[in-house]
Structure formats: structure tokens, C-alpha cells
N, C-alpha and C. Protein backbone atom coordinates (compact mmCIF):
# COMPACT_ATOMS: atom_id res chain seq x y z
N UNK A 1 -3.25 -2.80 -17.14
CA UNK A 1 -3.75 -4.14 -16.89
C UNK A 1 -2.80 -4.86 -15.94
N UNK A 2 -3.34 -5.51 -14.94
CA UNK A 2 -2.48 -6.22 -13.99
C UNK A 2 -1.97 -7.54 -14.54
N UNK A 3 -0.87 -7.97 -13.96
CA UNK A 3 -0.26 -9.25 -14.32
C UNK A 3 -0.64 -10.27 -13.24
N UNK A 4 -1.17 -11.41 -13.64
CA UNK A 4 -1.56 -12.46 -12.70
C UNK A 4 -0.64 -13.66 -12.87
N UNK A 5 -0.30 -14.29 -11.75
CA UNK A 5 0.55 -15.49 -11.77
C UNK A 5 -0.33 -16.71 -11.58
N UNK A 6 -0.06 -17.72 -12.37
CA UNK A 6 -0.81 -18.98 -12.32
C UNK A 6 0.14 -20.14 -12.11
N UNK A 7 -0.40 -21.24 -11.61
CA UNK A 7 0.37 -22.47 -11.44
C UNK A 7 -0.46 -23.62 -11.99
N UNK A 8 0.17 -24.47 -12.79
CA UNK A 8 -0.48 -25.67 -13.30
C UNK A 8 -0.34 -26.76 -12.25
N UNK A 9 -1.45 -27.34 -11.83
CA UNK A 9 -1.41 -28.39 -10.81
C UNK A 9 -0.98 -29.74 -11.38
N UNK A 10 -1.00 -29.89 -12.70
CA UNK A 10 -0.59 -31.14 -13.34
C UNK A 10 0.93 -31.20 -13.55
N UNK A 11 1.49 -30.17 -14.20
CA UNK A 11 2.92 -30.19 -14.52
C UNK A 11 3.75 -29.31 -13.58
N UNK A 12 3.12 -28.46 -12.77
CA UNK A 12 3.84 -27.61 -11.83
C UNK A 12 4.42 -26.35 -12.43
N UNK A 13 4.10 -26.05 -13.67
CA UNK A 13 4.64 -24.87 -14.35
C UNK A 13 4.02 -23.59 -13.78
N UNK A 14 4.86 -22.57 -13.53
CA UNK A 14 4.40 -21.24 -13.12
C UNK A 14 4.46 -20.35 -14.35
N UNK A 15 3.37 -19.61 -14.61
CA UNK A 15 3.35 -18.69 -15.73
C UNK A 15 2.51 -17.48 -15.37
N UNK A 16 2.69 -16.40 -16.13
CA UNK A 16 2.00 -15.15 -15.87
C UNK A 16 1.13 -14.80 -17.06
N UNK A 17 0.06 -14.05 -16.78
CA UNK A 17 -0.84 -13.61 -17.84
C UNK A 17 -1.31 -12.20 -17.51
N UNK A 18 -1.29 -11.33 -18.51
CA UNK A 18 -1.79 -9.96 -18.36
C UNK A 18 -3.27 -9.97 -18.73
N UNK A 19 -4.12 -9.61 -17.75
CA UNK A 19 -5.56 -9.67 -17.95
C UNK A 19 -6.23 -8.41 -17.40
N UNK A 20 -7.42 -8.11 -17.91
CA UNK A 20 -8.24 -7.04 -17.36
C UNK A 20 -8.82 -7.52 -16.03
N UNK A 21 -9.26 -6.58 -15.20
CA UNK A 21 -9.84 -6.93 -13.90
C UNK A 21 -11.08 -7.79 -14.06
N UNK A 22 -11.87 -7.55 -15.08
CA UNK A 22 -13.13 -8.26 -15.26
C UNK A 22 -12.99 -9.59 -16.00
N UNK A 23 -11.81 -9.91 -16.51
CA UNK A 23 -11.63 -11.18 -17.24
C UNK A 23 -11.72 -12.37 -16.29
N UNK A 24 -12.31 -13.47 -16.76
CA UNK A 24 -12.34 -14.68 -15.91
C UNK A 24 -10.94 -15.28 -15.80
N UNK A 25 -10.66 -16.02 -14.72
CA UNK A 25 -9.33 -16.64 -14.57
C UNK A 25 -9.08 -17.67 -15.68
N UNK A 26 -7.81 -17.86 -15.98
CA UNK A 26 -7.45 -18.84 -17.02
C UNK A 26 -7.85 -20.25 -16.59
N UNK A 27 -8.16 -21.09 -17.57
CA UNK A 27 -8.57 -22.47 -17.30
C UNK A 27 -7.58 -23.49 -17.86
N UNK A 28 -6.51 -23.00 -18.52
CA UNK A 28 -5.59 -23.92 -19.17
C UNK A 28 -4.17 -23.35 -19.15
N UNK A 29 -3.18 -24.24 -18.92
CA UNK A 29 -1.78 -23.79 -18.94
C UNK A 29 -1.26 -23.83 -20.37
N UNK A 30 -0.09 -23.24 -20.65
CA UNK A 30 0.47 -23.25 -22.01
C UNK A 30 0.72 -24.65 -22.56
N UNK A 31 0.86 -25.65 -21.69
CA UNK A 31 1.07 -27.03 -22.15
C UNK A 31 -0.24 -27.75 -22.42
N UNK A 32 -1.38 -27.11 -22.14
CA UNK A 32 -2.68 -27.70 -22.43
C UNK A 32 -3.35 -28.39 -21.26
N UNK A 33 -2.73 -28.40 -20.09
CA UNK A 33 -3.36 -29.02 -18.93
C UNK A 33 -4.49 -28.12 -18.40
N UNK A 34 -5.52 -28.73 -17.86
CA UNK A 34 -6.71 -27.97 -17.45
C UNK A 34 -6.80 -27.71 -15.94
N UNK A 35 -5.88 -28.19 -15.14
CA UNK A 35 -5.91 -27.92 -13.69
C UNK A 35 -4.96 -26.76 -13.40
N UNK A 36 -5.54 -25.55 -13.38
CA UNK A 36 -4.76 -24.33 -13.19
C UNK A 36 -5.36 -23.54 -12.04
N UNK A 37 -4.49 -22.93 -11.22
CA UNK A 37 -4.98 -22.06 -10.15
C UNK A 37 -4.18 -20.77 -10.13
N UNK A 38 -4.83 -19.69 -9.70
CA UNK A 38 -4.16 -18.40 -9.59
C UNK A 38 -3.37 -18.38 -8.28
N UNK A 39 -2.13 -17.90 -8.35
CA UNK A 39 -1.25 -17.83 -7.18
C UNK A 39 -1.30 -16.41 -6.63
N UNK A 40 -1.55 -16.30 -5.33
CA UNK A 40 -1.57 -15.00 -4.67
C UNK A 40 -0.28 -14.83 -3.89
N UNK A 41 0.31 -13.64 -3.99
CA UNK A 41 1.57 -13.36 -3.29
C UNK A 41 1.47 -12.00 -2.63
N UNK A 42 2.32 -11.72 -1.64
CA UNK A 42 2.29 -10.41 -0.98
C UNK A 42 2.71 -9.31 -1.95
N UNK A 43 2.29 -8.08 -1.69
CA UNK A 43 2.67 -6.98 -2.58
C UNK A 43 4.17 -6.75 -2.58
N UNK A 44 4.65 -6.20 -3.67
CA UNK A 44 6.09 -5.99 -3.83
C UNK A 44 6.58 -4.74 -3.12
N UNK A 45 5.68 -3.81 -2.80
CA UNK A 45 6.07 -2.55 -2.17
C UNK A 45 5.57 -2.52 -0.74
N UNK A 46 6.46 -2.19 0.19
CA UNK A 46 6.08 -2.05 1.59
C UNK A 46 6.57 -0.69 2.07
N UNK A 47 5.65 0.13 2.59
CA UNK A 47 6.01 1.45 3.09
C UNK A 47 6.27 1.36 4.59
N UNK A 48 7.49 1.64 5.00
CA UNK A 48 7.86 1.60 6.41
C UNK A 48 8.52 2.92 6.78
N UNK A 49 8.36 3.30 8.02
CA UNK A 49 9.03 4.48 8.52
C UNK A 49 8.22 5.74 8.35
N UNK A 50 8.72 6.85 8.87
CA UNK A 50 8.00 8.12 8.81
C UNK A 50 8.08 8.75 7.43
N UNK A 51 7.12 9.62 7.16
CA UNK A 51 7.18 10.39 5.93
C UNK A 51 6.28 9.92 4.82
N UNK A 52 5.49 8.88 5.05
CA UNK A 52 4.66 8.37 3.99
C UNK A 52 3.20 8.78 4.12
N UNK A 53 2.82 9.37 5.23
CA UNK A 53 1.43 9.70 5.46
C UNK A 53 1.30 11.18 5.80
N UNK A 54 0.16 11.77 5.49
CA UNK A 54 -0.10 13.17 5.76
C UNK A 54 -0.10 13.43 7.26
N UNK A 55 -0.52 12.43 8.05
CA UNK A 55 -0.64 12.61 9.49
C UNK A 55 0.69 12.47 10.23
N UNK A 56 1.77 12.14 9.54
CA UNK A 56 3.07 12.03 10.21
C UNK A 56 3.52 13.41 10.68
N UNK A 57 4.22 13.44 11.80
CA UNK A 57 4.75 14.69 12.31
C UNK A 57 5.93 15.14 11.48
N UNK A 58 5.97 16.41 11.21
CA UNK A 58 7.08 16.96 10.43
C UNK A 58 8.05 17.65 11.36
N UNK A 59 9.32 17.57 11.05
CA UNK A 59 10.31 18.27 11.86
C UNK A 59 10.45 19.70 11.35
N UNK A 60 10.75 20.62 12.25
CA UNK A 60 10.96 22.00 11.83
C UNK A 60 9.76 22.88 12.04
N UNK A 61 8.58 22.35 12.14
CA UNK A 61 7.39 23.15 12.41
C UNK A 61 6.95 23.95 11.21
N UNK A 62 6.06 24.91 11.48
CA UNK A 62 5.49 25.70 10.40
C UNK A 62 6.00 27.15 10.42
N UNK A 63 7.16 27.38 10.99
CA UNK A 63 7.74 28.71 10.99
C UNK A 63 7.58 29.45 12.31
N UNK A 64 6.63 29.05 13.16
CA UNK A 64 6.47 29.69 14.47
C UNK A 64 7.32 28.95 15.48
N UNK A 65 8.07 29.62 16.25
CA UNK A 65 8.95 29.15 17.34
C UNK A 65 9.52 27.74 17.13
N UNK A 66 9.86 27.39 15.89
CA UNK A 66 10.59 26.15 15.64
C UNK A 66 9.81 24.87 15.88
N UNK A 67 8.49 24.89 15.74
CA UNK A 67 7.71 23.66 15.88
C UNK A 67 7.57 23.19 17.30
N UNK A 68 7.26 24.10 18.21
CA UNK A 68 7.12 23.76 19.63
C UNK A 68 5.91 22.87 19.87
N UNK A 69 5.67 22.62 21.15
CA UNK A 69 4.56 21.77 21.55
C UNK A 69 3.25 22.51 21.31
N UNK A 70 2.36 21.94 20.49
CA UNK A 70 1.13 22.62 20.11
C UNK A 70 0.16 22.70 21.27
N UNK A 71 0.16 21.71 22.17
CA UNK A 71 -0.75 21.77 23.31
C UNK A 71 -0.38 22.93 24.22
N UNK A 72 0.91 23.23 24.37
CA UNK A 72 1.33 24.38 25.17
C UNK A 72 0.89 25.67 24.51
N UNK A 73 0.95 25.75 23.17
CA UNK A 73 0.51 26.94 22.45
C UNK A 73 -0.98 27.18 22.66
N UNK A 74 -1.79 26.14 22.67
CA UNK A 74 -3.23 26.28 22.87
C UNK A 74 -3.53 26.79 24.28
N UNK A 75 -2.80 26.31 25.29
CA UNK A 75 -3.01 26.75 26.66
C UNK A 75 -2.70 28.23 26.76
N UNK A 76 -1.61 28.69 26.16
CA UNK A 76 -1.23 30.09 26.21
C UNK A 76 -2.29 30.93 25.50
N UNK A 77 -2.81 30.47 24.36
CA UNK A 77 -3.83 31.22 23.65
C UNK A 77 -5.12 31.31 24.46
N UNK A 78 -5.48 30.24 25.17
CA UNK A 78 -6.69 30.24 26.00
C UNK A 78 -6.53 31.22 27.17
N UNK A 79 -5.32 31.27 27.78
CA UNK A 79 -5.07 32.17 28.90
C UNK A 79 -5.17 33.63 28.42
N UNK A 80 -4.70 33.91 27.23
CA UNK A 80 -4.78 35.27 26.69
C UNK A 80 -6.24 35.65 26.44
N UNK A 81 -7.04 34.70 25.95
CA UNK A 81 -8.45 34.97 25.66
C UNK A 81 -9.23 35.22 26.95
N UNK A 82 -8.89 34.55 28.03
CA UNK A 82 -9.59 34.71 29.31
C UNK A 82 -9.25 36.06 29.94
N UNK A 83 -8.03 36.53 29.79
CA UNK A 83 -7.57 37.78 30.42
C UNK A 83 -8.25 38.99 29.91
């Protein structure tokens, strides 16, 4: 269950509530005030740099000639097929 952050517009109190995705938003703060809004914030995790995606280039290659240029390998294979 996700944790949601709320702010009371009357007293300014920030509080959190653990709720299901389908639950309606809270309508009251712990002090009993009825002007409450859900606070949205950026995610806590940010993925930066190489190595996080399947499409990233890997160093070292796949065992053939140390990970050379693949476009050059395709040209050589095409020349062999034509010959």
C-alpha cells in the first residue's frame, strides 16, 4: 500500500496516510479540520547514467573480437555473401 502525504489548509499540518489505490482521499486532518489536500512530490529515486536499461551499450562485447563496430561486421558479412 502506498503512503500519501496530506496538508491541512486550516492549520498547516503535514501528515501521511497509508491507503489502498482505490481508497478515496482523506477529508479530515488529525486535528479535525475539514480543508485537506493531497500533496504531490517528485519521486525519491532517479536513475541516471549508463547501465539501467537493456538498450545501453555494454563494454567488452559478446566475445567476438572484443566488441568491435557492428556496422563494420555487417559489411564484411555482406561482402562474403556476395563473393
